[in-house]
């Protein structure tokens, strides 16, 4: 499942208009930008991880922290 999410993310980055994951990508990006600009995240790796988990959540409908 993890590889599948990664492949979906790469697809959304390469060709956002044709990707089936475009909506998930846009939602995750907007939430991550808002969270990062709030000052709650101080390290870059936390921003990247937050984005990936939000993207995974929108794609699967499950909480990625509960594995």
C-alpha atoms as a PDB file:
ATOM      1  CA  UNK A   1       0.000   0.000   0.000  1.00  0.00           C
ATOM      2  CA  UNK A   2       2.847   2.382   0.857  1.00  0.00           C
ATOM      3  CA  UNK A   3       4.351   2.090  -2.637  1.00  0.00           C
ATOM      4  CA  UNK A   4       0.949   2.668  -4.193  1.00  0.00           C
ATOM      5  CA  UNK A   5       0.539   5.957  -2.325  1.00  0.00           C
ATOM      6  CA  UNK A   6       4.009   7.023  -3.427  1.00  0.00           C
ATOM      7  CA  UNK A   7       3.178   6.194  -7.042  1.00  0.00           C
ATOM      8  CA  UNK A   8      -0.044   8.192  -6.825  1.00  0.00           C
ATOM      9  CA  UNK A   9       1.847  11.157  -5.398  1.00  0.00           C
ATOM     10  CA  UNK A  10       4.460  11.021  -8.161  1.00  0.00           C
ATOM     11  CA  UNK A  11       1.685  10.812 -10.739  1.00  0.00           C
ATOM     12  CA  UNK A  12      -0.015  13.884  -9.257  1.00  0.00           C
ATOM     13  CA  UNK A  13       3.280  15.790  -9.334  1.00  0.00           C
ATOM     14  CA  UNK A  14       4.186  14.799 -12.881  1.00  0.00           C
ATOM     15  CA  UNK A  15       0.850  15.484 -14.543  1.00  0.00           C
ATOM     16  CA  UNK A  16      -1.633  17.077 -12.149  1.00  0.00           C
ATOM     17  CA  UNK A  17      -4.328  17.605 -14.773  1.00  0.00           C
ATOM     18  CA  UNK A  18      -4.544  13.929 -15.752  1.00  0.00           C
ATOM     19  CA  UNK A  19      -3.901  12.393 -12.336  1.00  0.00           C
ATOM     20  CA  UNK A  20      -6.767  10.778 -10.465  1.00  0.00           C
ATOM     21  CA  UNK A  21      -5.086  11.984  -7.265  1.00  0.00           C
ATOM     22  CA  UNK A  22      -5.155  15.682  -8.150  1.00  0.00           C
ATOM     23  CA  UNK A  23      -7.892  16.526  -5.658  1.00  0.00           C
ATOM     24  CA  UNK A  24      -6.103  14.756  -2.807  1.00  0.00           C
ATOM     25  CA  UNK A  25      -2.870  16.503  -3.761  1.00  0.00           C
ATOM     26  CA  UNK A  26      -4.483  19.948  -3.749  1.00  0.00           C
ATOM     27  CA  UNK A  27      -6.243  19.391  -0.419  1.00  0.00           C
ATOM     28  CA  UNK A  28      -3.067  18.106   1.221  1.00  0.00           C
ATOM     29  CA  UNK A  29      -1.056  21.015  -0.189  1.00  0.00           C
ATOM     30  CA  UNK A  30      -3.481  23.663   1.074  1.00  0.00           C
ATOM     31  CA  UNK A  31      -3.693  22.174   4.573  1.00  0.00           C
ATOM     32  CA  UNK A  32       0.071  21.725   4.780  1.00  0.00           C
ATOM     33  CA  UNK A  33       0.705  25.316   3.683  1.00  0.00           C
ATOM     34  CA  UNK A  34      -1.722  26.620   6.288  1.00  0.00           C
ATOM     35  CA  UNK A  35      -0.193  24.473   9.020  1.00  0.00           C
ATOM     36  CA  UNK A  36       3.385  25.378   8.089  1.00  0.00           C
ATOM     37  CA  UNK A  37       2.641  29.103   7.954  1.00  0.00           C
ATOM     38  CA  UNK A  38       1.051  28.965  11.411  1.00  0.00           C
ATOM     39  CA  UNK A  39       4.462  28.339  12.953  1.00  0.00           C
ATOM     40  CA  UNK A  40       3.392  25.050  14.508  1.00  0.00           C
ATOM     41  CA  UNK A  41       5.995  23.143  12.492  1.00  0.00           C
ATOM     42  CA  UNK A  42       9.592  24.195  12.911  1.00  0.00           C
ATOM     43  CA  UNK A  43      11.479  21.525  10.969  1.00  0.00           C
ATOM     44  CA  UNK A  44      11.278  20.902   7.219  1.00  0.00           C
ATOM     45  CA  UNK A  45      11.001  17.129   7.599  1.00  0.00           C
ATOM     46  CA  UNK A  46       7.875  17.630   9.711  1.00  0.00           C
ATOM     47  CA  UNK A  47       6.297  19.642   6.882  1.00  0.00           C
ATOM     48  CA  UNK A  48       7.076  16.929   4.335  1.00  0.00           C
ATOM     49  CA  UNK A  49       5.771  14.196   6.625  1.00  0.00           C
ATOM     50  CA  UNK A  50       2.589  16.160   7.328  1.00  0.00           C
ATOM     51  CA  UNK A  51       1.969  16.610   3.613  1.00  0.00           C
ATOM     52  CA  UNK A  52       2.546  12.918   2.866  1.00  0.00           C
ATOM     53  CA  UNK A  53       0.228  11.785   5.666  1.00  0.00           C
ATOM     54  CA  UNK A  54      -2.513  14.197   4.594  1.00  0.00           C
ATOM     55  CA  UNK A  55      -2.193  13.009   0.995  1.00  0.00           C
ATOM     56  CA  UNK A  56      -2.390   9.379   2.134  1.00  0.00           C
ATOM     57  CA  UNK A  57      -5.424  10.157   4.282  1.00  0.00           C
ATOM     58  CA  UNK A  58      -7.295  11.794   1.394  1.00  0.00           C
ATOM     59  CA  UNK A  59      -6.381   8.951  -0.978  1.00  0.00           C
ATOM     60  CA  UNK A  60      -7.316   6.050   1.305  1.00  0.00           C
ATOM     61  CA  UNK A  61      -9.840   7.569   3.690  1.00  0.00           C
ATOM     62  CA  UNK A  62      -7.917   6.114   6.635  1.00  0.00           C
ATOM     63  CA  UNK A  63      -5.734   7.708   9.277  1.00  0.00           C
ATOM     64  CA  UNK A  64      -2.129   6.887   8.258  1.00  0.00           C
ATOM     65  CA  UNK A  65      -0.955   7.086  11.871  1.00  0.00           C
ATOM     66  CA  UNK A  66      -3.002   4.001  12.785  1.00  0.00           C
ATOM     67  CA  UNK A  67      -0.952   1.284  11.126  1.00  0.00           C
END
